[in-house]
Amino acid sequence: MTSFKDREKGFENKFAHDQEMQFRITARRNRLVGEWAAELMGLTAEETDAYAKAVVQADFEEAGDEDVIRKVLGDLTAAEVDVDDGAIREKLDEMTVEARRQFIESTD
């Protein structure tokens, strides 16, 4: 009976670890997208840092990426940067790979 409980506990721990890792990767991805958008808007280094943090915070509004896309698209449009949601989705995909790479390198 204890081996079953041990296995169950092991699966629960792995699930929790995987969820935390995915959360960190997503937050890093959102920061990278925020930095990309800030560069397109011509923000200063301080403004870029604040904006990237705001993009990370925007992801807590609802499940999925729509809240991040809506924020970045709205801000880029307001700054008169010619970009559409498709370009932002592509950048999210690209930055997901980059964030995962950075996360793996930081844990080595």
PDB file of N, CA and C in Angstrom:
ATOM      1  N   MET A   1       0.823  -1.207   0.000  1.00  0.00           N
ATOM      2  CA  MET A   1       0.000   0.000   0.000  1.00  0.00           C
ATOM      3  C   MET A   1       0.858   1.258   0.000  1.00  0.00           C
ATOM      4  N   THR A   2       1.985   1.216   0.715  1.00  0.00           N
ATOM      5  CA  THR A   2       2.820   2.417   0.756  1.00  0.00           C
ATOM      6  C   THR A   2       3.466   2.703  -0.591  1.00  0.00           C
ATOM      7  N   SER A   3       3.778   1.677  -1.387  1.00  0.00           N
ATOM      8  CA  SER A   3       4.380   1.936  -2.688  1.00  0.00           C
ATOM      9  C   SER A   3       3.397   2.671  -3.603  1.00  0.00           C
ATOM     10  N   PHE A   4       2.120   2.347  -3.497  1.00  0.00           N
ATOM     11  CA  PHE A   4       1.108   3.071  -4.278  1.00  0.00           C
ATOM     12  C   PHE A   4       1.042   4.522  -3.828  1.00  0.00           C
ATOM     13  N   LYS A   5       1.048   4.745  -2.520  1.00  0.00           N
ATOM     14  CA  LYS A   5       1.016   6.107  -1.974  1.00  0.00           C
ATOM     15  C   LYS A   5       2.269   6.876  -2.383  1.00  0.00           C
ATOM     16  N   ASP A   6       3.410   6.198  -2.377  1.00  0.00           N
ATOM     17  CA  ASP A   6       4.663   6.838  -2.791  1.00  0.00           C
ATOM     18  C   ASP A   6       4.605   7.237  -4.257  1.00  0.00           C
ATOM     19  N   ARG A   7       4.086   6.354  -5.090  1.00  0.00           N
ATOM     20  CA  ARG A   7       3.960   6.662  -6.520  1.00  0.00           C
ATOM     21  C   ARG A   7       3.009   7.829  -6.733  1.00  0.00           C
ATOM     22  N   GLU A   8       1.884   7.787  -6.013  1.00  0.00           N
ATOM     23  CA  GLU A   8       0.910   8.868  -6.128  1.00  0.00           C
ATOM     24  C   GLU A   8       1.539  10.205  -5.725  1.00  0.00           C
ATOM     25  N   LYS A   9       2.268  10.210  -4.633  1.00  0.00           N
ATOM     26  CA  LYS A   9       2.940  11.417  -4.161  1.00  0.00           C
ATOM     27  C   LYS A   9       3.977  11.884  -5.188  1.00  0.00           C
ATOM     28  N   GLY A  10       4.695  10.938  -5.791  1.00  0.00           N
ATOM     29  CA  GLY A  10       5.678  11.262  -6.810  1.00  0.00           C
ATOM     30  C   GLY A  10       5.041  11.924  -8.024  1.00  0.00           C
ATOM     31  N   PHE A  11       3.903  11.390  -8.469  1.00  0.00           N
ATOM     32  CA  PHE A  11       3.189  11.990  -9.603  1.00  0.00           C
ATOM     33  C   PHE A  11       2.684  13.389  -9.258  1.00  0.00           C
ATOM     34  N   GLU A  12       2.194  13.561  -8.043  1.00  0.00           N
ATOM     35  CA  GLU A  12       1.720  14.878  -7.620  1.00  0.00           C
ATOM     36  C   GLU A  12       2.867  15.884  -7.598  1.00  0.00           C
ATOM     37  N   ASN A  13       4.022  15.464  -7.094  1.00  0.00           N
ATOM     38  CA  ASN A  13       5.184  16.353  -7.049  1.00  0.00           C
ATOM     39  C   ASN A  13       5.656  16.720  -8.453  1.00  0.00           C
ATOM     40  N   LYS A  14       5.671  15.746  -9.356  1.00  0.00           N
ATOM     41  CA  LYS A  14       6.088  16.006 -10.736  1.00  0.00           C
ATOM     42  C   LYS A  14       5.121  16.977 -11.409  1.00  0.00           C
ATOM     43  N   PHE A  15       3.827  16.765 -11.192  1.00  0.00           N
ATOM     44  CA  PHE A  15       2.829  17.656 -11.772  1.00  0.00           C
ATOM     45  C   PHE A  15       3.031  19.090 -11.271  1.00  0.00           C
ATOM     46  N   ALA A  16       3.223  19.244  -9.967  1.00  0.00           N
ATOM     47  CA  ALA A  16       3.427  20.570  -9.388  1.00  0.00           C
ATOM     48  C   ALA A  16       4.686  21.220  -9.960  1.00  0.00           C
ATOM     49  N   HIS A  17       5.740  20.444 -10.085  1.00  0.00           N
ATOM     50  CA  HIS A  17       6.994  20.961 -10.651  1.00  0.00           C
ATOM     51  C   HIS A  17       6.794  21.393 -12.103  1.00  0.00           C
ATOM     52  N   ASP A  18       6.131  20.569 -12.897  1.00  0.00           N
ATOM     53  CA  ASP A  18       5.883  20.887 -14.306  1.00  0.00           C
ATOM     54  C   ASP A  18       5.033  22.151 -14.450  1.00  0.00           C
ATOM     55  N   GLN A  19       4.035  22.297 -13.582  1.00  0.00           N
ATOM     56  CA  GLN A  19       3.171  23.483 -13.634  1.00  0.00           C
ATOM     57  C   GLN A  19       3.968  24.748 -13.296  1.00  0.00           C
ATOM     58  N   GLU A  20       4.820  24.662 -12.295  1.00  0.00           N
ATOM     59  CA  GLU A  20       5.640  25.809 -11.909  1.00  0.00           C
ATOM     60  C   GLU A  20       6.607  26.172 -13.032  1.00  0.00           C
ATOM     61  N   MET A  21       7.206  25.170 -13.651  1.00  0.00           N
ATOM     62  CA  MET A  21       8.125  25.413 -14.754  1.00  0.00           C
ATOM     63  C   MET A  21       7.393  26.091 -15.912  1.00  0.00           C
ATOM     64  N   GLN A  22       6.206  25.618 -16.249  1.00  0.00           N
ATOM     65  CA  GLN A  22       5.437  26.218 -17.341  1.00  0.00           C
ATOM     66  C   GLN A  22       5.051  27.662 -17.019  1.00  0.00           C
ATOM     67  N   PHE A  23       4.700  27.931 -15.770  1.00  0.00           N
ATOM     68  CA  PHE A  23       4.368  29.290 -15.344  1.00  0.00           C
ATOM     69  C   PHE A  23       5.565  30.219 -15.541  1.00  0.00           C
ATOM     70  N   ARG A  24       6.745  29.771 -15.133  1.00  0.00           N
ATOM     71  CA  ARG A  24       7.951  30.583 -15.264  1.00  0.00           C
ATOM     72  C   ARG A  24       8.314  30.824 -16.730  1.00  0.00           C
ATOM     73  N   ILE A  25       8.167  29.802 -17.547  1.00  0.00           N
ATOM     74  CA  ILE A  25       8.463  29.946 -18.974  1.00  0.00           C
ATOM     75  C   ILE A  25       7.493  30.942 -19.618  1.00  0.00           C
ATOM     76  N   THR A  26       6.224  30.844 -19.275  1.00  0.00           N
ATOM     77  CA  THR A  26       5.220  31.759 -19.833  1.00  0.00           C
ATOM     78  C   THR A  26       5.487  33.193 -19.387  1.00  0.00           C
ATOM     79  N   ALA A  27       5.823  33.385 -18.121  1.00  0.00           N
ATOM     80  CA  ALA A  27       6.124  34.728 -17.630  1.00  0.00           C
ATOM     81  C   ALA A  27       7.358  35.291 -18.338  1.00  0.00           C
ATOM     82  N   ARG A  28       8.365  34.465 -18.540  1.00  0.00           N
ATOM     83  CA  ARG A  28       9.575  34.910 -19.246  1.00  0.00           C
ATOM     84  C   ARG A  28       9.249  35.248 -20.698  1.00  0.00           C
ATOM     85  N   ARG A  29       8.437  34.401 -21.333  1.00  0.00           N
ATOM     86  CA  ARG A  29       8.016  34.661 -22.713  1.00  0.00           C
ATOM     87  C   ARG A  29       7.299  36.000 -22.815  1.00  0.00           C
ATOM     88  N   ASN A  30       6.399  36.262 -21.886  1.00  0.00           N
ATOM     89  CA  ASN A  30       5.647  37.515 -21.913  1.00  0.00           C
ATOM     90  C   ASN A  30       6.567  38.711 -21.718  1.00  0.00           C
ATOM     91  N   ARG A  31       7.570  38.560 -20.866  1.00  0.00           N
ATOM     92  CA  ARG A  31       8.543  39.635 -20.668  1.00  0.00           C
ATOM     93  C   ARG A  31       9.314  39.895 -21.970  1.00  0.00           C
ATOM     94  N   LEU A  32       9.732  38.829 -22.635  1.00  0.00           N
ATOM     95  CA  LEU A  32      10.459  38.982 -23.901  1.00  0.00           C
ATOM     96  C   LEU A  32       9.588  39.653 -24.966  1.00  0.00           C
ATOM     97  N   VAL A  33       8.316  39.291 -25.026  1.00  0.00           N
ATOM     98  CA  VAL A  33       7.394  39.926 -25.973  1.00  0.00           C
ATOM     99  C   VAL A  33       7.214  41.403 -25.618  1.00  0.00           C
ATOM    100  N   GLY A  34       7.135  41.686 -24.325  1.00  0.00           N
ATOM    101  CA  GLY A  34       7.032  43.075 -23.893  1.00  0.00           C
ATOM    102  C   GLY A  34       8.248  43.889 -24.288  1.00  0.00           C
ATOM    103  N   GLU A  35       9.431  43.284 -24.162  1.00  0.00           N
ATOM    104  CA  GLU A  35      10.660  43.974 -24.566  1.00  0.00           C
ATOM    105  C   GLU A  35      10.681  44.216 -26.076  1.00  0.00           C
ATOM    106  N   TRP A  36      10.210  43.234 -26.831  1.00  0.00           N
ATOM    107  CA  TRP A  36      10.134  43.382 -28.292  1.00  0.00           C
ATOM    108  C   TRP A  36       9.196  44.529 -28.657  1.00  0.00           C
ATOM    109  N   ALA A  37       8.015  44.553 -28.045  1.00  0.00           N
ATOM    110  CA  ALA A  37       7.030  45.600 -28.342  1.00  0.00           C
ATOM    111  C   ALA A  37       7.560  46.965 -27.916  1.00  0.00           C
ATOM    112  N   ALA A  38       8.228  47.020 -26.788  1.00  0.00           N
ATOM    113  CA  ALA A  38       8.788  48.292 -26.310  1.00  0.00           C
ATOM    114  C   ALA A  38       9.826  48.829 -27.285  1.00  0.00           C
ATOM    115  N   GLU A  39      10.611  47.924 -27.842  1.00  0.00           N
ATOM    116  CA  GLU A  39      11.605  48.346 -28.841  1.00  0.00           C
ATOM    117  C   GLU A  39      10.909  48.928 -30.079  1.00  0.00           C
ATOM    118  N   LEU A  40       9.826  48.291 -30.508  1.00  0.00           N
ATOM    119  CA  LEU A  40       9.075  48.802 -31.661  1.00  0.00           C
ATOM    120  C   LEU A  40       8.490  50.188 -31.370  1.00  0.00           C
ATOM    121  N   MET A  41       8.122  50.416 -30.105  1.00  0.00           N
ATOM    122  CA  MET A  41       7.540  51.711 -29.731  1.00  0.00           C
ATOM    123  C   MET A  41       8.605  52.754 -29.417  1.00  0.00           C
ATOM    124  N   GLY A  42       9.876  52.351 -29.398  1.00  0.00           N
ATOM    125  CA  GLY A  42      10.959  53.298 -29.141  1.00  0.00           C
ATOM    126  C   GLY A  42      11.051  53.746 -27.693  1.00  0.00           C
ATOM    127  N   LEU A  43      10.719  52.864 -26.752  1.00  0.00           N
ATOM    128  CA  LEU A  43      10.769  53.227 -25.336  1.00  0.00           C
ATOM    129  C   LEU A  43      12.200  53.225 -24.812  1.00  0.00           C
ATOM    130  N   THR A  44      12.424  53.990 -23.758  1.00  0.00           N
ATOM    131  CA  THR A  44      13.733  54.016 -23.102  1.00  0.00           C
ATOM    132  C   THR A  44      13.938  52.714 -22.326  1.00  0.00           C
ATOM    133  N   ALA A  45      15.130  52.517 -21.800  1.00  0.00           N
ATOM    134  CA  ALA A  45      15.432  51.300 -21.034  1.00  0.00           C
ATOM    135  C   ALA A  45      14.523  51.181 -19.809  1.00  0.00           C
ATOM    136  N   GLU A  46      14.312  52.272 -19.108  1.00  0.00           N
ATOM    137  CA  GLU A  46      13.449  52.244 -17.923  1.00  0.00           C
ATOM    138  C   GLU A  46      11.998  51.967 -18.316  1.00  0.00           C
ATOM    139  N   GLU A  47      11.558  52.617 -19.381  1.00  0.00           N
ATOM    140  CA  GLU A  47      10.188  52.405 -19.861  1.00  0.00           C
ATOM    141  C   GLU A  47      10.014  50.973 -20.364  1.00  0.00           C
ATOM    142  N   THR A  48      11.048  50.436 -20.992  1.00  0.00           N
ATOM    143  CA  THR A  48      10.997  49.060 -21.487  1.00  0.00           C
ATOM    144  C   THR A  48      10.828  48.084 -20.344  1.00  0.00           C
ATOM    145  N   ASP A  49      11.577  48.281 -19.278  1.00  0.00           N
ATOM    146  CA  ASP A  49      11.473  47.399 -18.112  1.00  0.00           C
ATOM    147  C   ASP A  49      10.065  47.457 -17.513  1.00  0.00           C
ATOM    148  N   ALA A  50       9.547  48.649 -17.356  1.00  0.00           N
ATOM    149  CA  ALA A  50       8.199  48.815 -16.794  1.00  0.00           C
ATOM    150  C   ALA A  50       7.147  48.209 -17.725  1.00  0.00           C
ATOM    151  N   TYR A  51       7.315  48.414 -19.016  1.00  0.00           N
ATOM    152  CA  TYR A  51       6.351  47.883 -19.972  1.00  0.00           C
ATOM    153  C   TYR A  51       6.378  46.359 -19.986  1.00  0.00           C
ATOM    154  N   ALA A  52       7.564  45.766 -19.968  1.00  0.00           N
ATOM    155  CA  ALA A  52       7.674  44.303 -19.965  1.00  0.00           C
ATOM    156  C   ALA A  52       6.986  43.717 -18.729  1.00  0.00           C
ATOM    157  N   LYS A  53       7.143  44.376 -17.593  1.00  0.00           N
ATOM    158  CA  LYS A  53       6.456  43.924 -16.364  1.00  0.00           C
ATOM    159  C   LYS A  53       4.942  44.048 -16.520  1.00  0.00           C
ATOM    160  N   ALA A  54       4.487  45.103 -17.176  1.00  0.00           N
ATOM    161  CA  ALA A  54       3.045  45.294 -17.396  1.00  0.00           C
ATOM    162  C   ALA A  54       2.477  44.204 -18.301  1.00  0.00           C
ATOM    163  N   VAL A  55       3.258  43.764 -19.280  1.00  0.00           N
ATOM    164  CA  VAL A  55       2.799  42.680 -20.161  1.00  0.00           C
ATOM    165  C   VAL A  55       2.686  41.377 -19.368  1.00  0.00           C
ATOM    166  N   VAL A  56       3.645  41.124 -18.496  1.00  0.00           N
ATOM    167  CA  VAL A  56       3.571  39.929 -17.643  1.00  0.00           C
ATOM    168  C   VAL A  56       2.315  39.997 -16.778  1.00  0.00           C
ATOM    169  N   GLN A  57       2.040  41.160 -16.200  1.00  0.00           N
ATOM    170  CA  GLN A  57       0.856  41.333 -15.352  1.00  0.00           C
ATOM    171  C   GLN A  57      -0.443  41.164 -16.145  1.00  0.00           C
ATOM    172  N   ALA A  58      -0.431  41.576 -17.392  1.00  0.00           N
ATOM    173  CA  ALA A  58      -1.638  41.477 -18.224  1.00  0.00           C
ATOM    174  C   ALA A  58      -2.074  40.033 -18.393  1.00  0.00           C
ATOM    175  N   ASP A  59      -1.144  39.104 -18.307  1.00  0.00           N
ATOM    176  CA  ASP A  59      -1.470  37.690 -18.506  1.00  0.00           C
ATOM    177  C   ASP A  59      -2.320  37.123 -17.380  1.00  0.00           C
ATOM    178  N   PHE A  60      -2.439  37.831 -16.269  1.00  0.00           N
ATOM    179  CA  PHE A  60      -3.226  37.340 -15.144  1.00  0.00           C
ATOM    180  C   PHE A  60      -4.704  37.698 -15.264  1.00  0.00           C
ATOM    181  N   GLU A  61      -5.086  38.420 -16.314  1.00  0.00           N
ATOM    182  CA  GLU A  61      -6.477  38.846 -16.472  1.00  0.00           C
ATOM    183  C   GLU A  61      -7.409  37.697 -16.822  1.00  0.00           C
ATOM    184  N   GLU A  62      -6.952  36.792 -17.683  1.00  0.00           N
ATOM    185  CA  GLU A  62      -7.781  35.659 -18.090  1.00  0.00           C
ATOM    186  C   GLU A  62      -6.882  34.519 -18.552  1.00  0.00           C
ATOM    187  N   ALA A  63      -7.440  33.338 -18.639  1.00  0.00           N
ATOM    188  CA  ALA A  63      -6.669  32.186 -19.098  1.00  0.00           C
ATOM    189  C   ALA A  63      -6.342  32.340 -20.579  1.00  0.00           C
ATOM    190  N   GLY A  64      -5.192  31.829 -20.967  1.00  0.00           N
ATOM    191  CA  GLY A  64      -4.798  31.886 -22.373  1.00  0.00           C
ATOM    192  C   GLY A  64      -3.996  33.137 -22.683  1.00  0.00           C
ATOM    193  N   ASP A  65      -3.719  33.324 -23.954  1.00  0.00           N
ATOM    194  CA  ASP A  65      -2.851  34.417 -24.399  1.00  0.00           C
ATOM    195  C   ASP A  65      -3.609  35.647 -24.892  1.00  0.00           C
ATOM    196  N   GLU A  66      -4.916  35.574 -24.965  1.00  0.00           N
ATOM    197  CA  GLU A  66      -5.688  36.678 -25.547  1.00  0.00           C
ATOM    198  C   GLU A  66      -5.497  37.991 -24.806  1.00  0.00           C
ATOM    199  N   ASP A  67      -5.358  37.938 -23.482  1.00  0.00           N
ATOM    200  CA  ASP A  67      -5.169  39.168 -22.719  1.00  0.00           C
ATOM    201  C   ASP A  67      -3.831  39.828 -23.052  1.00  0.00           C
ATOM    202  N   VAL A  68      -2.794  39.027 -23.246  1.00  0.00           N
ATOM    203  CA  VAL A  68      -1.485  39.561 -23.615  1.00  0.00           C
ATOM    204  C   VAL A  68      -1.540  40.139 -25.030  1.00  0.00           C
ATOM    205  N   ILE A  69      -2.133  39.402 -25.940  1.00  0.00           N
ATOM    206  CA  ILE A  69      -2.247  39.867 -27.328  1.00  0.00           C
ATOM    207  C   ILE A  69      -3.029  41.178 -27.385  1.00  0.00           C
ATOM    208  N   ARG A  70      -4.125  41.238 -26.656  1.00  0.00           N
ATOM    209  CA  ARG A  70      -4.957  42.444 -26.635  1.00  0.00           C
ATOM    210  C   ARG A  70      -4.159  43.649 -26.114  1.00  0.00           C
ATOM    211  N   LYS A  71      -3.407  43.466 -25.040  1.00  0.00           N
ATOM    212  CA  LYS A  71      -2.621  44.563 -24.478  1.00  0.00           C
ATOM    213  C   LYS A  71      -1.551  45.026 -25.456  1.00  0.00           C
ATOM    214  N   VAL A  72      -0.747  44.097 -25.951  1.00  0.00           N
ATOM    215  CA  VAL A  72       0.356  44.462 -26.837  1.00  0.00           C
ATOM    216  C   VAL A  72      -0.171  45.092 -28.122  1.00  0.00           C
ATOM    217  N   LEU A  73      -1.205  44.499 -28.706  1.00  0.00           N
ATOM    218  CA  LEU A  73      -1.776  45.054 -29.936  1.00  0.00           C
ATOM    219  C   LEU A  73      -2.330  46.451 -29.698  1.00  0.00           C
ATOM    220  N   GLY A  74      -3.027  46.634 -28.595  1.00  0.00           N
ATOM    221  CA  GLY A  74      -3.584  47.949 -28.279  1.00  0.00           C
ATOM    222  C   GLY A  74      -2.503  49.000 -28.090  1.00  0.00           C
ATOM    223  N   ASP A  75      -1.445  48.630 -27.380  1.00  0.00           N
ATOM    224  CA  ASP A  75      -0.362  49.578 -27.134  1.00  0.00           C
ATOM    225  C   ASP A  75       0.412  49.897 -28.411  1.00  0.00           C
ATOM    226  N   LEU A  76       0.672  48.873 -29.223  1.00  0.00           N
ATOM    227  CA  LEU A  76       1.384  49.113 -30.478  1.00  0.00           C
ATOM    228  C   LEU A  76       0.540  49.954 -31.437  1.00  0.00           C
ATOM    229  N   THR A  77      -0.749  49.691 -31.479  1.00  0.00           N
ATOM    230  CA  THR A  77      -1.647  50.481 -32.327  1.00  0.00           C
ATOM    231  C   THR A  77      -1.684  51.930 -31.863  1.00  0.00           C
ATOM    232  N   ALA A  78      -1.764  52.129 -30.543  1.00  0.00           N
ATOM    233  CA  ALA A  78      -1.782  53.490 -29.995  1.00  0.00           C
ATOM    234  C   ALA A  78      -0.480  54.230 -30.302  1.00  0.00           C
ATOM    235  N   ALA A  79       0.619  53.485 -30.396  1.00  0.00           N
ATOM    236  CA  ALA A  79       1.917  54.088 -30.716  1.00  0.00           C
ATOM    237  C   ALA A  79       2.135  54.189 -32.224  1.00  0.00           C
ATOM    238  N   GLU A  80       1.088  53.877 -32.990  1.00  0.00           N
ATOM    239  CA  GLU A  80       1.107  53.942 -34.449  1.00  0.00           C
ATOM    240  C   GLU A  80       2.164  53.029 -35.073  1.00  0.00           C
ATOM    241  N   VAL A  81       2.336  51.849 -34.457  1.00  0.00           N
ATOM    242  CA  VAL A  81       3.209  50.820 -35.021  1.00  0.00           C
ATOM    243  C   VAL A  81       2.319  49.895 -35.845  1.00  0.00           C
ATOM    244  N   ASP A  82       2.691  49.672 -37.092  1.00  0.00           N
ATOM    245  CA  ASP A  82       1.893  48.851 -37.993  1.00  0.00           C
ATOM    246  C   ASP A  82       2.166  47.369 -37.724  1.00  0.00           C
ATOM    247  N   VAL A  83       1.289  46.744 -36.939  1.00  0.00           N
ATOM    248  CA  VAL A  83       1.418  45.327 -36.592  1.00  0.00           C
ATOM    249  C   VAL A  83       0.012  44.767 -36.396  1.00  0.00           C
ATOM    250  N   ASP A  84      -0.151  43.478 -36.675  1.00  0.00           N
ATOM    251  CA  ASP A  84      -1.460  42.862 -36.459  1.00  0.00           C
ATOM    252  C   ASP A  84      -1.326  41.736 -35.444  1.00  0.00           C
ATOM    253  N   ASP A  85      -2.465  41.174 -35.056  1.00  0.00           N
ATOM    254  CA  ASP A  85      -2.421  40.135 -34.024  1.00  0.00           C
ATOM    255  C   ASP A  85      -1.683  38.883 -34.500  1.00  0.00           C
ATOM    256  N   GLY A  86      -1.658  38.638 -35.796  1.00  0.00           N
ATOM    257  CA  GLY A  86      -0.910  37.498 -36.329  1.00  0.00           C
ATOM    258  C   GLY A  86       0.579  37.630 -36.062  1.00  0.00           C
ATOM    259  N   ALA A  87       1.107  38.837 -36.218  1.00  0.00           N
ATOM    260  CA  ALA A  87       2.530  39.072 -35.946  1.00  0.00           C
ATOM    261  C   ALA A  87       2.835  38.891 -34.460  1.00  0.00           C
ATOM    262  N   ILE A  88       1.906  39.307 -33.628  1.00  0.00           N
ATOM    263  CA  ILE A  88       2.097  39.151 -32.183  1.00  0.00           C
ATOM    264  C   ILE A  88       2.039  37.670 -31.806  1.00  0.00           C
ATOM    265  N   ARG A  89       1.116  36.933 -32.398  1.00  0.00           N
ATOM    266  CA  ARG A  89       1.047  35.488 -32.139  1.00  0.00           C
ATOM    267  C   ARG A  89       2.331  34.781 -32.581  1.00  0.00           C
ATOM    268  N   GLU A  90       2.867  35.180 -33.722  1.00  0.00           N
ATOM    269  CA  GLU A  90       4.136  34.601 -34.182  1.00  0.00           C
ATOM    270  C   GLU A  90       5.256  34.914 -33.201  1.00  0.00           C
ATOM    271  N   LYS A  91       5.276  36.139 -32.699  1.00  0.00           N
ATOM    272  CA  LYS A  91       6.311  36.533 -31.739  1.00  0.00           C
ATOM    273  C   LYS A  91       6.141  35.764 -30.434  1.00  0.00           C
ATOM    274  N   LEU A  92       4.892  35.526 -30.020  1.00  0.00           N
ATOM    275  CA  LEU A  92       4.660  34.713 -28.820  1.00  0.00           C
ATOM    276  C   LEU A  92       5.235  33.309 -29.001  1.00  0.00           C
ATOM    277  N   ASP A  93       5.000  32.708 -30.160  1.00  0.00           N
ATOM    278  CA  ASP A  93       5.540  31.372 -30.440  1.00  0.00           C
ATOM    279  C   ASP A  93       7.067  31.390 -30.420  1.00  0.00           C
ATOM    280  N   GLU A  94       7.634  32.369 -31.082  1.00  0.00           N
ATOM    281  CA  GLU A  94       9.094  32.492 -31.144  1.00  0.00           C
ATOM    282  C   GLU A  94       9.686  32.676 -29.742  1.00  0.00           C
ATOM    283  N   MET A  95       9.067  33.525 -28.956  1.00  0.00           N
ATOM    284  CA  MET A  95       9.587  33.814 -27.624  1.00  0.00           C
ATOM    285  C   MET A  95       9.327  32.678 -26.633  1.00  0.00           C
ATOM    286  N   THR A  96       8.351  31.825 -26.919  1.00  0.00           N
ATOM    287  CA  THR A  96       8.148  30.645 -26.084  1.00  0.00           C
ATOM    288  C   THR A  96       9.365  29.737 -26.191  1.00  0.00           C
ATOM    289  N   VAL A  97       9.846  29.548 -27.398  1.00  0.00           N
ATOM    290  CA  VAL A  97      11.037  28.726 -27.623  1.00  0.00           C
ATOM    291  C   VAL A  97      12.233  29.357 -26.923  1.00  0.00           C
ATOM    292  N   GLU A  98      12.400  30.663 -27.077  1.00  0.00           N
ATOM    293  CA  GLU A  98      13.519  31.369 -26.457  1.00  0.00           C
ATOM    294  C   GLU A  98      13.434  31.311 -24.929  1.00  0.00           C
ATOM    295  N   ALA A  99      12.257  31.511 -24.377  1.00  0.00           N
ATOM    296  CA  ALA A  99      12.084  31.468 -22.922  1.00  0.00           C
ATOM    297  C   ALA A  99      12.399  30.072 -22.381  1.00  0.00           C
ATOM    298  N   ARG A 100      11.954  29.050 -23.093  1.00  0.00           N
ATOM    299  CA  ARG A 100      12.249  27.672 -22.674  1.00  0.00           C
ATOM    300  C   ARG A 100      13.762  27.422 -22.701  1.00  0.00           C
ATOM    301  N   ARG A 101      14.427  27.908 -23.762  1.00  0.00           N
ATOM    302  CA  ARG A 101      15.874  27.748 -23.873  1.00  0.00           C
ATOM    303  C   ARG A 101      16.576  28.456 -22.715  1.00  0.00           C
ATOM    304  N   GLN A 102      16.180  29.690 -22.422  1.00  0.00           N
ATOM    305  CA  GLN A 102      16.786  30.430 -21.337  1.00  0.00           C
ATOM    306  C   GLN A 102      16.546  29.750 -19.994  1.00  0.00           C
ATOM    307  N   PHE A 103      15.350  29.222 -19.809  1.00  0.00           N
ATOM    308  CA  PHE A 103      15.031  28.557 -18.544  1.00  0.00           C
ATOM    309  C   PHE A 103      15.888  27.305 -18.362  1.00  0.00           C
ATOM    310  N   ILE A 104      16.047  26.522 -19.421  1.00  0.00           N
ATOM    311  CA  ILE A 104      16.849  25.305 -19.352  1.00  0.00           C
ATOM    312  C   ILE A 104      18.315  25.652 -19.076  1.00  0.00           C
ATOM    313  N   GLU A 105      18.816  26.682 -19.744  1.00  0.00           N
ATOM    314  CA  GLU A 105      20.203  27.094 -19.522  1.00  0.00           C
ATOM    315  C   GLU A 105      20.429  27.595 -18.094  1.00  0.00           C
ATOM    316  N   SER A 106      19.444  28.243 -17.519  1.00  0.00           N
ATOM    317  CA  SER A 106      19.606  28.776 -16.165  1.00  0.00           C
ATOM    318  C   SER A 106      19.559  27.687 -15.107  1.00  0.00           C
ATOM    319  N   THR A 107      19.011  26.522 -15.432  1.00  0.00           N
ATOM    320  CA  THR A 107      18.938  25.431 -14.459  1.00  0.00           C
ATOM    321  C   THR A 107      20.090  24.449 -14.598  1.00  0.00           C
ATOM    322  N   ASP A 108      20.919  24.644 -15.618  1.00  0.00           N
ATOM    323  CA  ASP A 108      22.080  23.743 -15.789  1.00  0.00           C
ATOM    324  C   ASP A 108      23.168  24.068 -14.800  1.00  0.00           C
TER     325      ASP A 108
END
